[in-house]
């Protein structure tokens, strides 16, 4: 039967000795306080076979307690906060072993789930790129071979902030696709990048290449 009373072990902040065996425990001794017996060392309290599990992993602590017939909370006085604070748990070695196995299994399961979700997102992104490329070719049937997919991949690059990642683009809105094609033409079919490198302001460079962009758009759109 599992214990119903929470056992407590205190890390002393002063010189201590065991009231049962009389051993001098020194400072920072781990003791229990037993009614009518005073302070006992872990050996006299029959807790010295337990293993200390520090705080920090709630799942491991919860499971270790569950699988340990005997356990004890470890507390230490905080001068700054004027209260006892939990340091961890004393648990049985077998209980800790079982808890670690369960947490490891959960970790592996979570890793597999993340892997499945990553694959699924990649598949959805790939499908989205294909649809975006198809829309480019629909609006610009004379777009050079392979450019539709190239535009789609660039525009839809995840986390890029590019036009293909907008809500409008995800609906395959014609204006969003048009803007992606314009951006592609500006960089690949005009002097735009060279103008930027030469120190030209972006808006000035766009004005300079506007006719070139419009010419390419008309050529790509013509049936």
N, C-alpha and C. Protein backbone atom coordinates (compact mmCIF):
# COMPACT_ATOMS: atom_id res chain seq x y z
N UNK A 1 0.85 -1.20 0.00
CA UNK A 1 0.00 0.00 0.00
C UNK A 1 0.88 1.24 0.00
N UNK A 2 0.52 2.22 -0.81
CA UNK A 2 1.28 3.45 -0.91
C UNK A 2 1.11 4.27 0.37
N UNK A 3 2.17 4.97 0.74
CA UNK A 3 2.11 5.81 1.92
C UNK A 3 1.13 6.95 1.70
N UNK A 4 0.46 7.34 2.78
CA UNK A 4 -0.47 8.46 2.71
C UNK A 4 0.10 9.69 3.40
N UNK A 5 1.11 9.49 4.23
CA UNK A 5 1.76 10.60 4.92
C UNK A 5 3.04 10.95 4.17
N UNK A 6 3.21 12.23 3.87
CA UNK A 6 4.39 12.67 3.15
C UNK A 6 5.56 12.80 4.12
N UNK A 7 6.56 12.00 3.94
CA UNK A 7 7.75 12.07 4.77
C UNK A 7 8.61 13.25 4.34
N UNK A 8 9.25 13.87 5.29
CA UNK A 8 10.07 15.04 5.00
C UNK A 8 11.47 14.86 5.54
N UNK A 9 12.42 15.25 4.73
CA UNK A 9 13.82 15.25 5.12
C UNK A 9 14.31 16.69 5.02
N UNK A 10 14.99 17.15 6.05
CA UNK A 10 15.46 18.53 6.09
C UNK A 10 16.98 18.59 5.98
N UNK A 11 17.46 19.53 5.19
CA UNK A 11 18.90 19.80 5.13
C UNK A 11 19.17 20.87 6.17
N UNK A 12 19.87 20.51 7.22
CA UNK A 12 20.05 21.43 8.34
C UNK A 12 20.99 22.58 7.98
N UNK A 13 20.80 23.69 8.64
CA UNK A 13 21.65 24.86 8.39
C UNK A 13 22.59 25.13 9.56
N UNK A 14 22.62 24.23 10.53
CA UNK A 14 23.49 24.39 11.70
C UNK A 14 24.04 23.02 12.10
N UNK A 15 24.95 23.02 13.04
CA UNK A 15 25.52 21.77 13.51
C UNK A 15 24.41 20.87 14.06
N UNK A 16 24.43 19.61 13.63
CA UNK A 16 23.37 18.69 14.05
C UNK A 16 23.97 17.36 14.50
N UNK A 17 23.19 16.66 15.28
CA UNK A 17 23.57 15.30 15.69
C UNK A 17 22.31 14.46 15.74
N UNK A 18 22.46 13.16 15.59
CA UNK A 18 21.31 12.26 15.60
C UNK A 18 20.91 11.96 17.04
N UNK A 19 19.63 12.15 17.37
CA UNK A 19 19.15 11.93 18.73
C UNK A 19 18.97 10.45 19.06
N UNK A 20 19.17 9.58 18.07
CA UNK A 20 19.04 8.15 18.35
C UNK A 20 20.40 7.47 18.45
N UNK A 21 21.27 7.68 17.45
CA UNK A 21 22.58 7.02 17.48
C UNK A 21 23.67 7.91 18.06
N UNK A 22 23.36 9.20 18.21
CA UNK A 22 24.31 10.13 18.80
C UNK A 22 25.40 10.60 17.86
N UNK A 23 25.37 10.21 16.61
CA UNK A 23 26.43 10.60 15.68
C UNK A 23 26.40 12.10 15.40
N UNK A 24 27.61 12.69 15.39
CA UNK A 24 27.73 14.10 15.04
C UNK A 24 27.59 14.22 13.53
N UNK A 25 26.57 14.92 13.05
CA UNK A 25 26.27 15.00 11.63
C UNK A 25 26.85 16.24 10.96
N UNK A 26 27.29 17.20 11.75
CA UNK A 26 27.85 18.43 11.19
C UNK A 26 26.78 19.32 10.60
N UNK A 27 27.24 20.28 9.78
CA UNK A 27 26.30 21.19 9.13
C UNK A 27 25.83 20.59 7.81
N UNK A 28 24.70 21.05 7.34
CA UNK A 28 24.09 20.58 6.09
C UNK A 28 23.79 19.09 6.12
N UNK A 29 23.50 18.62 7.32
CA UNK A 29 23.14 17.21 7.47
C UNK A 29 21.71 16.97 7.00
N UNK A 30 21.44 15.78 6.53
CA UNK A 30 20.10 15.40 6.10
C UNK A 30 19.46 14.66 7.26
N UNK A 31 18.39 15.22 7.78
CA UNK A 31 17.76 14.66 8.97
C UNK A 31 16.25 14.61 8.81
N UNK A 32 15.63 13.78 9.64
CA UNK A 32 14.17 13.79 9.75
C UNK A 32 13.81 14.17 11.16
N UNK A 33 12.65 14.74 11.34
CA UNK A 33 12.17 15.11 12.66
C UNK A 33 11.04 14.17 13.04
N UNK A 34 11.29 13.37 14.06
CA UNK A 34 10.31 12.36 14.47
C UNK A 34 9.76 12.71 15.85
N UNK A 35 8.46 12.67 15.96
CA UNK A 35 7.81 13.02 17.23
C UNK A 35 8.33 12.13 18.35
N UNK A 36 8.68 12.74 19.44
CA UNK A 36 9.17 12.07 20.65
C UNK A 36 10.57 11.48 20.50
N UNK A 37 11.17 11.63 19.29
CA UNK A 37 12.51 11.10 19.10
C UNK A 37 13.49 12.18 18.67
N UNK A 38 12.99 13.33 18.24
CA UNK A 38 13.85 14.42 17.83
C UNK A 38 14.36 14.25 16.42
N UNK A 39 15.61 14.68 16.17
CA UNK A 39 16.22 14.62 14.84
C UNK A 39 16.93 13.29 14.66
N UNK A 40 16.63 12.64 13.54
CA UNK A 40 17.27 11.36 13.24
C UNK A 40 18.03 11.46 11.93
N UNK A 41 19.18 10.79 11.88
CA UNK A 41 19.90 10.69 10.62
C UNK A 41 19.13 9.74 9.71
N UNK A 42 19.47 9.75 8.42
CA UNK A 42 18.72 8.92 7.47
C UNK A 42 18.87 7.44 7.77
N UNK A 43 20.00 7.06 8.31
CA UNK A 43 20.21 5.65 8.63
C UNK A 43 19.26 5.21 9.74
N UNK A 44 19.16 5.99 10.79
CA UNK A 44 18.26 5.64 11.89
C UNK A 44 16.80 5.75 11.49
N UNK A 45 16.52 6.60 10.52
CA UNK A 45 15.14 6.76 10.05
C UNK A 45 14.80 5.74 8.97
N UNK A 46 15.76 4.85 8.66
CA UNK A 46 15.56 3.82 7.62
C UNK A 46 15.25 4.43 6.25
N UNK A 47 15.92 5.54 5.97
CA UNK A 47 15.74 6.19 4.67
C UNK A 47 17.06 6.25 3.88
N UNK A 48 18.11 5.67 4.41
CA UNK A 48 19.43 5.81 3.78
C UNK A 48 19.59 4.97 2.51
N UNK A 49 18.61 4.13 2.22
CA UNK A 49 18.68 3.33 0.99
C UNK A 49 18.06 4.07 -0.21
N UNK A 50 17.45 5.22 0.07
CA UNK A 50 16.79 5.96 -0.99
C UNK A 50 17.79 6.80 -1.79
N UNK A 51 17.41 7.13 -3.02
CA UNK A 51 18.26 7.90 -3.94
C UNK A 51 17.66 9.29 -4.09
N UNK A 52 18.54 10.29 -4.10
CA UNK A 52 18.06 11.67 -4.23
C UNK A 52 17.81 12.02 -5.69
N UNK A 53 16.62 12.54 -5.97
CA UNK A 53 16.24 13.01 -7.29
C UNK A 53 15.98 14.51 -7.20
N UNK A 54 16.86 15.34 -7.76
CA UNK A 54 16.69 16.80 -7.65
C UNK A 54 15.44 17.26 -8.40
N UNK A 55 14.96 18.46 -8.05
CA UNK A 55 13.84 19.05 -8.77
C UNK A 55 14.30 19.43 -10.18
N UNK A 56 13.33 19.63 -11.06
CA UNK A 56 13.67 20.06 -12.42
C UNK A 56 12.96 19.29 -13.50
N UNK A 57 12.60 18.05 -13.20
CA UNK A 57 11.88 17.24 -14.19
C UNK A 57 10.60 16.74 -13.53
N UNK A 58 9.52 17.47 -13.76
CA UNK A 58 8.26 17.16 -13.08
C UNK A 58 7.73 15.77 -13.42
N UNK A 59 7.84 15.38 -14.69
CA UNK A 59 7.33 14.07 -15.10
C UNK A 59 8.11 12.94 -14.44
N UNK A 60 9.44 13.09 -14.42
CA UNK A 60 10.27 12.06 -13.80
C UNK A 60 10.00 11.98 -12.30
N UNK A 61 9.88 13.11 -11.65
CA UNK A 61 9.59 13.14 -10.21
C UNK A 61 8.25 12.49 -9.91
N UNK A 62 7.25 12.84 -10.67
CA UNK A 62 5.91 12.29 -10.45
C UNK A 62 5.90 10.76 -10.60
N UNK A 63 6.58 10.28 -11.63
CA UNK A 63 6.59 8.84 -11.87
C UNK A 63 7.46 8.10 -10.86
N UNK A 64 8.57 8.71 -10.47
CA UNK A 64 9.44 8.08 -9.48
C UNK A 64 8.70 7.92 -8.15
N UNK A 65 7.94 8.94 -7.78
CA UNK A 65 7.14 8.86 -6.55
C UNK A 65 6.09 7.75 -6.68
N UNK A 66 5.47 7.69 -7.84
CA UNK A 66 4.42 6.69 -8.07
C UNK A 66 4.96 5.27 -7.93
N UNK A 67 6.17 5.05 -8.43
CA UNK A 67 6.73 3.69 -8.44
C UNK A 67 7.55 3.37 -7.19
N UNK A 68 7.64 4.31 -6.26
CA UNK A 68 8.38 4.08 -5.02
C UNK A 68 7.40 3.87 -3.87
N UNK A 69 7.53 2.74 -3.20
CA UNK A 69 6.68 2.50 -2.04
C UNK A 69 6.99 3.51 -0.95
N UNK A 70 8.29 3.84 -0.82
CA UNK A 70 8.73 4.79 0.19
C UNK A 70 9.43 5.97 -0.49
N UNK A 71 9.06 7.15 -0.13
CA UNK A 71 9.71 8.35 -0.67
C UNK A 71 9.64 9.46 0.36
N UNK A 72 10.46 10.47 0.18
CA UNK A 72 10.48 11.58 1.12
C UNK A 72 10.85 12.87 0.40
N UNK A 73 10.19 13.95 0.76
CA UNK A 73 10.48 15.25 0.18
C UNK A 73 11.69 15.85 0.91
N UNK A 74 12.61 16.40 0.15
CA UNK A 74 13.80 17.03 0.73
C UNK A 74 13.60 18.55 0.73
N UNK A 75 13.75 19.16 1.92
CA UNK A 75 13.51 20.59 2.09
C UNK A 75 14.74 21.29 2.68
N UNK A 76 14.89 22.54 2.31
CA UNK A 76 15.99 23.34 2.84
C UNK A 76 15.49 24.74 3.16
N UNK A 77 15.93 25.30 4.28
CA UNK A 77 15.49 26.62 4.70
C UNK A 77 16.14 27.69 3.84
N UNK A 78 15.30 28.61 3.31
CA UNK A 78 15.80 29.73 2.53
C UNK A 78 15.80 30.97 3.40
N UNK A 79 16.99 31.51 3.65
CA UNK A 79 17.08 32.72 4.46
C UNK A 79 16.45 33.90 3.74
N UNK A 80 16.62 33.94 2.42
CA UNK A 80 16.09 35.07 1.65
C UNK A 80 14.57 35.09 1.68
N UNK A 81 13.94 33.93 1.53
CA UNK A 81 12.48 33.87 1.45
C UNK A 81 11.82 33.52 2.79
N UNK A 82 12.65 33.17 3.77
CA UNK A 82 12.15 32.85 5.11
C UNK A 82 11.15 31.70 5.08
N UNK A 83 11.53 30.66 4.37
CA UNK A 83 10.65 29.49 4.29
C UNK A 83 11.45 28.28 3.82
N UNK A 84 10.87 27.10 4.03
CA UNK A 84 11.50 25.88 3.51
C UNK A 84 11.14 25.72 2.03
N UNK A 85 12.12 25.37 1.25
CA UNK A 85 11.89 25.17 -0.18
C UNK A 85 12.29 23.76 -0.59
N UNK A 86 11.51 23.23 -1.50
CA UNK A 86 11.72 21.86 -1.97
C UNK A 86 13.01 21.76 -2.80
N UNK A 87 13.83 20.79 -2.49
CA UNK A 87 15.08 20.56 -3.21
C UNK A 87 15.01 19.35 -4.13
N UNK A 88 14.09 18.47 -3.81
CA UNK A 88 13.97 17.25 -4.60
C UNK A 88 13.24 16.18 -3.83
N UNK A 89 13.50 14.95 -4.20
CA UNK A 89 12.77 13.82 -3.63
C UNK A 89 13.73 12.66 -3.41
N UNK A 90 13.56 11.98 -2.29
CA UNK A 90 14.27 10.72 -2.05
C UNK A 90 13.35 9.59 -2.49
N UNK A 91 13.82 8.75 -3.39
CA UNK A 91 12.98 7.68 -3.94
C UNK A 91 13.76 6.36 -3.97
N UNK A 92 13.03 5.29 -4.16
CA UNK A 92 13.67 3.98 -4.28
C UNK A 92 14.33 3.84 -5.65
N UNK A 93 15.45 3.15 -5.69
CA UNK A 93 16.19 3.01 -6.94
C UNK A 93 15.35 2.33 -8.02
N UNK A 94 14.59 1.31 -7.61
CA UNK A 94 13.76 0.60 -8.59
C UNK A 94 12.69 1.52 -9.16
N UNK A 95 12.13 2.35 -8.28
CA UNK A 95 11.11 3.30 -8.74
C UNK A 95 11.67 4.31 -9.71
N UNK A 96 12.89 4.78 -9.42
CA UNK A 96 13.53 5.75 -10.31
C UNK A 96 13.86 5.12 -11.65
N UNK A 97 14.33 3.88 -11.62
CA UNK A 97 14.64 3.17 -12.88
C UNK A 97 13.40 3.05 -13.75
N UNK A 98 12.28 2.67 -13.13
CA UNK A 98 11.04 2.51 -13.89
C UNK A 98 10.57 3.86 -14.43
N UNK A 99 10.70 4.90 -13.63
CA UNK A 99 10.29 6.23 -14.07
C UNK A 99 11.13 6.70 -15.25
N UNK A 100 12.43 6.44 -15.20
CA UNK A 100 13.32 6.85 -16.29
C UNK A 100 12.97 6.11 -17.58
N UNK A 101 12.62 4.84 -17.48
CA UNK A 101 12.23 4.07 -18.66
C UNK A 101 10.97 4.65 -19.29
N UNK A 102 10.00 4.99 -18.45
CA UNK A 102 8.75 5.54 -18.97
C UNK A 102 8.97 6.91 -19.61
N UNK A 103 9.80 7.74 -18.99
CA UNK A 103 10.08 9.07 -19.55
C UNK A 103 10.84 8.96 -20.86
N UNK A 104 11.74 7.98 -20.94
CA UNK A 104 12.48 7.77 -22.18
C UNK A 104 11.55 7.33 -23.29
N UNK A 105 10.61 6.44 -22.95
CA UNK A 105 9.64 5.98 -23.95
C UNK A 105 8.79 7.15 -24.44
N UNK A 106 8.39 8.01 -23.51
CA UNK A 106 7.61 9.19 -23.88
C UNK A 106 8.41 10.12 -24.78
N UNK A 107 9.70 10.27 -24.44
CA UNK A 107 10.58 11.14 -25.23
C UNK A 107 10.69 10.62 -26.65
N UNK A 108 10.86 9.31 -26.78
CA UNK A 108 10.95 8.70 -28.12
C UNK A 108 9.64 8.87 -28.87
N UNK A 109 8.52 8.70 -28.16
CA UNK A 109 7.21 8.86 -28.80
C UNK A 109 7.02 10.30 -29.27
N UNK A 110 7.43 11.26 -28.44
CA UNK A 110 7.31 12.67 -28.84
C UNK A 110 8.19 12.98 -30.04
N UNK A 111 9.39 12.37 -30.05
CA UNK A 111 10.30 12.59 -31.18
C UNK A 111 9.70 12.05 -32.47
N UNK A 112 9.09 10.86 -32.39
CA UNK A 112 8.45 10.27 -33.57
C UNK A 112 7.28 11.12 -34.04
N UNK A 113 6.52 11.65 -33.08
CA UNK A 113 5.38 12.49 -33.44
C UNK A 113 5.85 13.78 -34.12
N UNK A 114 6.93 14.38 -33.57
CA UNK A 114 7.48 15.59 -34.20
C UNK A 114 7.96 15.30 -35.60
N UNK A 115 8.55 14.12 -35.79
CA UNK A 115 9.05 13.74 -37.11
C UNK A 115 7.90 13.60 -38.10
N UNK A 116 6.80 12.97 -37.65
CA UNK A 116 5.63 12.83 -38.52
C UNK A 116 5.05 14.18 -38.88
N UNK A 117 4.98 15.07 -37.88
CA UNK A 117 4.43 16.40 -38.13
C UNK A 117 5.31 17.20 -39.08
N UNK A 118 6.63 17.03 -38.95
CA UNK A 118 7.56 17.72 -39.84
C UNK A 118 7.39 17.24 -41.28
N UNK A 119 7.27 15.91 -41.43
CA UNK A 119 7.05 15.35 -42.78
C UNK A 119 5.75 15.86 -43.37
N UNK A 120 4.73 15.91 -42.53
CA UNK A 120 3.41 16.36 -42.99
C UNK A 120 3.46 17.82 -43.45
N UNK A 121 4.14 18.67 -42.65
CA UNK A 121 4.26 20.08 -43.03
C UNK A 121 5.04 20.23 -44.33
N UNK A 122 6.08 19.39 -44.47
CA UNK A 122 6.88 19.44 -45.70
C UNK A 122 6.05 19.06 -46.91
N UNK A 123 5.20 18.02 -46.72
CA UNK A 123 4.33 17.58 -47.82
C UNK A 123 3.33 18.68 -48.18
N UNK A 124 2.77 19.33 -47.16
CA UNK A 124 1.81 20.41 -47.42
C UNK A 124 2.49 21.58 -48.11
N UNK A 125 3.71 21.91 -47.67
CA UNK A 125 4.46 22.99 -48.31
C UNK A 125 4.77 22.65 -49.76
N UNK A 126 5.13 21.40 -50.01
CA UNK A 126 5.44 20.98 -51.37
C UNK A 126 4.20 21.09 -52.25
N UNK A 127 3.07 20.68 -51.71
CA UNK A 127 1.81 20.78 -52.44
C UNK A 127 1.48 22.24 -52.74
N UNK A 128 1.72 23.09 -51.76
CA UNK A 128 1.46 24.52 -51.92
C UNK A 128 2.35 25.12 -53.01
N UNK A 129 3.63 24.75 -53.03
CA UNK A 129 4.56 25.23 -54.05
C UNK A 129 4.09 24.79 -55.43
N UNK A 130 3.64 23.54 -55.55
CA UNK A 130 3.17 23.03 -56.84
C UNK A 130 1.96 23.83 -57.32
N UNK A 131 1.05 24.12 -56.39
CA UNK A 131 -0.16 24.87 -56.75
C UNK A 131 0.19 26.30 -57.15
N UNK A 132 1.14 26.89 -56.42
CA UNK A 132 1.55 28.25 -56.73
C UNK A 132 2.20 28.30 -58.12
N UNK A 133 3.07 27.31 -58.39
CA UNK A 133 3.72 27.24 -59.70
C UNK A 133 2.72 27.04 -60.82
N UNK A 134 1.71 26.23 -60.55
CA UNK A 134 0.68 26.00 -61.56
C UNK A 134 -0.06 27.31 -61.85
N UNK A 135 -0.33 28.11 -60.80
CA UNK A 135 -1.03 29.37 -60.98
C UNK A 135 -0.18 30.35 -61.78
N UNK A 136 1.14 30.34 -61.56
CA UNK A 136 2.05 31.20 -62.34
C UNK A 136 1.93 30.85 -63.82
N UNK A 137 1.97 29.55 -64.13
CA UNK A 137 1.91 29.12 -65.53
C UNK A 137 0.55 29.40 -66.15
N UNK A 138 -0.50 29.38 -65.32
CA UNK A 138 -1.84 29.68 -65.82
C UNK A 138 -1.94 31.15 -66.22
N UNK A 139 -1.40 32.04 -65.39
CA UNK A 139 -1.48 33.48 -65.65
C UNK A 139 -0.46 33.94 -66.68
N UNK A 140 0.67 33.21 -66.75
CA UNK A 140 1.75 33.59 -67.68
C UNK A 140 2.18 32.36 -68.48
N UNK A 141 1.32 31.97 -69.43
CA UNK A 141 1.55 30.72 -70.18
C UNK A 141 2.86 30.68 -70.96
N UNK A 142 3.47 31.83 -71.27
CA UNK A 142 4.72 31.85 -72.01
C UNK A 142 5.93 32.08 -71.11
N UNK A 143 5.69 31.85 -69.84
CA UNK A 143 6.80 31.91 -68.87
C UNK A 143 7.82 30.85 -69.25
N UNK A 144 9.11 31.16 -69.31
CA UNK A 144 10.14 30.19 -69.71
C UNK A 144 10.06 28.89 -68.91
N UNK A 145 10.42 27.81 -69.53
CA UNK A 145 10.38 26.48 -68.92
C UNK A 145 11.11 26.48 -67.59
N UNK A 146 10.43 25.97 -66.56
CA UNK A 146 11.04 25.84 -65.24
C UNK A 146 10.93 27.07 -64.38
N UNK A 147 10.59 28.21 -64.98
CA UNK A 147 10.53 29.44 -64.19
C UNK A 147 9.35 29.45 -63.21
N UNK A 148 8.25 28.83 -63.62
CA UNK A 148 7.08 28.82 -62.75
C UNK A 148 7.40 28.20 -61.40
N UNK A 149 8.05 27.06 -61.43
CA UNK A 149 8.41 26.40 -60.17
C UNK A 149 9.48 27.19 -59.42
N UNK A 150 10.41 27.77 -60.15
CA UNK A 150 11.46 28.57 -59.53
C UNK A 150 10.85 29.76 -58.78
N UNK A 151 9.91 30.42 -59.42
CA UNK A 151 9.23 31.56 -58.79
C UNK A 151 8.46 31.10 -57.56
N UNK A 152 7.77 29.98 -57.70
CA UNK A 152 6.97 29.45 -56.59
C UNK A 152 7.85 29.08 -55.40
N UNK A 153 8.95 28.40 -55.64
CA UNK A 153 9.84 27.99 -54.55
C UNK A 153 10.41 29.20 -53.83
N UNK A 154 10.79 30.19 -54.59
CA UNK A 154 11.36 31.39 -53.97
C UNK A 154 10.31 32.17 -53.19
N UNK A 155 9.15 32.34 -53.78
CA UNK A 155 8.08 33.12 -53.16
C UNK A 155 7.51 32.44 -51.92
N UNK A 156 7.51 31.11 -51.93
CA UNK A 156 6.87 30.36 -50.85
C UNK A 156 7.84 29.88 -49.78
N UNK A 157 9.10 30.28 -49.89
CA UNK A 157 10.09 29.83 -48.92
C UNK A 157 9.61 30.14 -47.52
N UNK A 158 9.61 29.12 -46.67
CA UNK A 158 9.05 29.23 -45.34
C UNK A 158 9.78 30.27 -44.51
N UNK A 159 9.01 31.04 -43.75
CA UNK A 159 9.52 32.06 -42.84
C UNK A 159 10.24 33.20 -43.54
N UNK A 160 10.13 33.28 -44.86
CA UNK A 160 10.89 34.29 -45.59
C UNK A 160 10.25 35.67 -45.53
N UNK A 161 8.96 35.72 -45.28
CA UNK A 161 8.26 37.00 -45.31
C UNK A 161 7.96 37.43 -46.74
N UNK A 162 8.23 36.57 -47.71
CA UNK A 162 7.99 36.92 -49.10
C UNK A 162 6.52 36.83 -49.43
N UNK A 163 6.20 37.31 -50.61
CA UNK A 163 4.80 37.42 -51.01
C UNK A 163 4.07 36.08 -50.98
N UNK A 164 4.80 35.00 -51.26
CA UNK A 164 4.16 33.69 -51.31
C UNK A 164 3.73 33.16 -49.96
N UNK A 165 4.20 33.81 -48.87
CA UNK A 165 3.81 33.34 -47.54
C UNK A 165 2.61 34.11 -46.99
N UNK A 166 2.07 35.05 -47.77
CA UNK A 166 0.94 35.83 -47.30
C UNK A 166 -0.35 35.03 -47.41
N UNK A 167 -1.38 35.48 -46.70
CA UNK A 167 -2.68 34.80 -46.75
C UNK A 167 -3.25 34.83 -48.15
N UNK A 168 -3.05 35.97 -48.84
CA UNK A 168 -3.58 36.09 -50.20
C UNK A 168 -2.92 35.07 -51.11
N UNK A 169 -1.61 34.90 -50.96
CA UNK A 169 -0.90 33.94 -51.80
C UNK A 169 -1.35 32.52 -51.52
N UNK A 170 -1.64 32.23 -50.24
CA UNK A 170 -2.08 30.88 -49.90
C UNK A 170 -3.45 30.58 -50.49
N UNK A 171 -4.20 31.65 -50.81
CA UNK A 171 -5.48 31.46 -51.52
C UNK A 171 -5.25 31.46 -53.02
N UNK A 172 -3.98 31.59 -53.42
CA UNK A 172 -3.60 31.67 -54.83
C UNK A 172 -4.26 32.87 -55.49
N UNK A 173 -4.33 33.96 -54.74
CA UNK A 173 -4.86 35.21 -55.25
C UNK A 173 -4.01 35.69 -56.43
N UNK A 174 -4.65 36.10 -57.52
CA UNK A 174 -3.92 36.47 -58.74
C UNK A 174 -2.96 37.64 -58.51
N UNK A 175 -3.36 38.60 -57.68
CA UNK A 175 -2.50 39.75 -57.42
C UNK A 175 -1.22 39.34 -56.71
N UNK A 176 -1.36 38.41 -55.76
CA UNK A 176 -0.18 37.93 -55.03
C UNK A 176 0.77 37.19 -55.96
N UNK A 177 0.21 36.35 -56.83
CA UNK A 177 1.05 35.62 -57.79
C UNK A 177 1.71 36.60 -58.76
N UNK A 178 0.96 37.59 -59.19
CA UNK A 178 1.48 38.61 -60.10
C UNK A 178 2.69 39.32 -59.47
N UNK A 179 2.57 39.71 -58.21
CA UNK A 179 3.66 40.40 -57.54
C UNK A 179 4.90 39.51 -57.42
N UNK A 180 4.69 38.22 -57.21
CA UNK A 180 5.82 37.29 -57.13
C UNK A 180 6.54 37.20 -58.48
N UNK A 181 5.77 37.20 -59.56
CA UNK A 181 6.36 37.14 -60.90
C UNK A 181 7.11 38.44 -61.20
N UNK A 182 6.52 39.56 -60.83
CA UNK A 182 7.18 40.86 -61.03
C UNK A 182 8.52 40.88 -60.31
N UNK A 183 8.54 40.43 -59.06
CA UNK A 183 9.78 40.42 -58.28
C UNK A 183 10.83 39.55 -58.96
N UNK A 184 10.41 38.40 -59.49
CA UNK A 184 11.34 37.50 -60.16
C UNK A 184 11.92 38.16 -61.42
N UNK A 185 11.06 38.74 -62.21
CA UNK A 185 11.52 39.40 -63.44
C UNK A 185 12.47 40.55 -63.11
N UNK A 186 12.12 41.32 -62.13
CA UNK A 186 12.95 42.47 -61.75
C UNK A 186 14.39 42.03 -61.44
N UNK A 187 14.53 40.88 -60.75
CA UNK A 187 15.86 40.43 -60.34
C UNK A 187 16.59 39.66 -61.44
N UNK A 188 15.85 38.99 -62.30
CA UNK A 188 16.51 38.09 -63.27
C UNK A 188 16.54 38.61 -64.70
N UNK A 189 15.65 39.54 -65.05
CA UNK A 189 15.53 39.97 -66.43
C UNK A 189 15.89 41.44 -66.64
N UNK A 190 16.28 42.13 -65.58
CA UNK A 190 16.58 43.57 -65.71
C UNK A 190 17.90 43.91 -65.02
N UNK A 191 18.23 45.21 -65.06
CA UNK A 191 19.46 45.72 -64.44
C UNK A 191 19.26 46.06 -62.96
N UNK A 192 18.16 45.67 -62.41
CA UNK A 192 17.76 46.10 -61.07
C UNK A 192 18.85 45.84 -60.01
N UNK A 193 19.36 44.64 -59.94
CA UNK A 193 20.36 44.30 -58.92
C UNK A 193 21.64 45.12 -59.09
N UNK A 194 22.05 45.33 -60.35
CA UNK A 194 23.25 46.11 -60.61
C UNK A 194 23.06 47.56 -60.17
N UNK A 195 21.85 48.07 -60.37
CA UNK A 195 21.55 49.43 -59.95
C UNK A 195 21.64 49.56 -58.42
N UNK A 196 21.15 48.55 -57.72
CA UNK A 196 21.21 48.58 -56.26
C UNK A 196 22.66 48.55 -55.78
N UNK A 197 23.47 47.71 -56.42
CA UNK A 197 24.88 47.59 -56.05
C UNK A 197 25.61 48.91 -56.30
N UNK A 198 25.20 49.61 -57.33
CA UNK A 198 25.87 50.87 -57.67
C UNK A 198 25.50 52.01 -56.73
N UNK A 199 24.55 51.75 -55.81
CA UNK A 199 24.17 52.76 -54.83
C UNK A 199 22.84 53.41 -55.10
N UNK A 200 22.15 52.97 -56.10
CA UNK A 200 20.85 53.53 -56.44
C UNK A 200 19.81 53.16 -55.39
N UNK A 201 18.96 54.09 -55.01
CA UNK A 201 17.89 53.79 -54.06
C UNK A 201 16.92 52.79 -54.69
N UNK A 202 16.29 52.00 -53.84
CA UNK A 202 15.41 50.95 -54.36
C UNK A 202 14.29 51.51 -55.22
N UNK A 203 13.65 52.57 -54.76
CA UNK A 203 12.54 53.12 -55.53
C UNK A 203 13.01 53.68 -56.87
N UNK A 204 14.22 54.26 -56.88
CA UNK A 204 14.78 54.79 -58.12
C UNK A 204 15.09 53.65 -59.09
N UNK A 205 15.65 52.57 -58.55
CA UNK A 205 15.99 51.43 -59.39
C UNK A 205 14.73 50.82 -60.00
N UNK A 206 13.65 50.80 -59.24
CA UNK A 206 12.40 50.23 -59.75
C UNK A 206 11.84 51.09 -60.88
N UNK A 207 11.95 52.38 -60.73
CA UNK A 207 11.50 53.27 -61.81
C UNK A 207 12.34 53.02 -63.06
N UNK A 208 13.64 52.88 -62.89
CA UNK A 208 14.56 52.68 -64.01
C UNK A 208 14.22 51.42 -64.82
N UNK A 209 13.80 50.36 -64.13
CA UNK A 209 13.58 49.08 -64.83
C UNK A 209 12.11 48.81 -65.09
N UNK A 210 11.25 49.78 -64.81
CA UNK A 210 9.81 49.56 -64.94
C UNK A 210 9.42 49.10 -66.34
N UNK A 211 9.93 49.74 -67.36
CA UNK A 211 9.56 49.37 -68.73
C UNK A 211 10.06 47.96 -69.09
N UNK A 212 11.25 47.62 -68.61
CA UNK A 212 11.77 46.27 -68.86
C UNK A 212 10.88 45.22 -68.22
N UNK A 213 10.44 45.50 -66.99
CA UNK A 213 9.56 44.56 -66.28
C UNK A 213 8.24 44.41 -67.03
N UNK A 214 7.65 45.54 -67.44
CA UNK A 214 6.36 45.49 -68.14
C UNK A 214 6.49 44.76 -69.47
N UNK A 215 7.64 44.94 -70.14
CA UNK A 215 7.85 44.24 -71.41
C UNK A 215 7.90 42.74 -71.21
N UNK A 216 8.61 42.30 -70.19
CA UNK A 216 8.72 40.87 -69.91
C UNK A 216 7.36 40.29 -69.50
N UNK A 217 6.62 41.02 -68.72
CA UNK A 217 5.28 40.55 -68.29
C UNK A 217 4.39 40.37 -69.51
N UNK A 218 4.42 41.32 -70.44
CA UNK A 218 3.58 41.22 -71.64
C UNK A 218 3.99 40.02 -72.48
N UNK A 219 5.28 39.79 -72.57
CA UNK A 219 5.78 38.65 -73.36
C UNK A 219 5.38 37.33 -72.73
N UNK A 220 5.50 37.23 -71.42
CA UNK A 220 5.17 35.98 -70.72
C UNK A 220 3.67 35.72 -70.71
N UNK A 221 2.87 36.79 -70.76
CA UNK A 221 1.41 36.64 -70.67
C UNK A 221 0.80 36.32 -72.04
N UNK A 222 1.45 36.73 -73.13
CA UNK A 222 0.88 36.58 -74.47
C UNK A 222 0.62 35.12 -74.81
N UNK A 223 -0.49 34.90 -75.48
CA UNK A 223 -0.85 33.54 -75.93
C UNK A 223 -0.40 33.32 -77.36
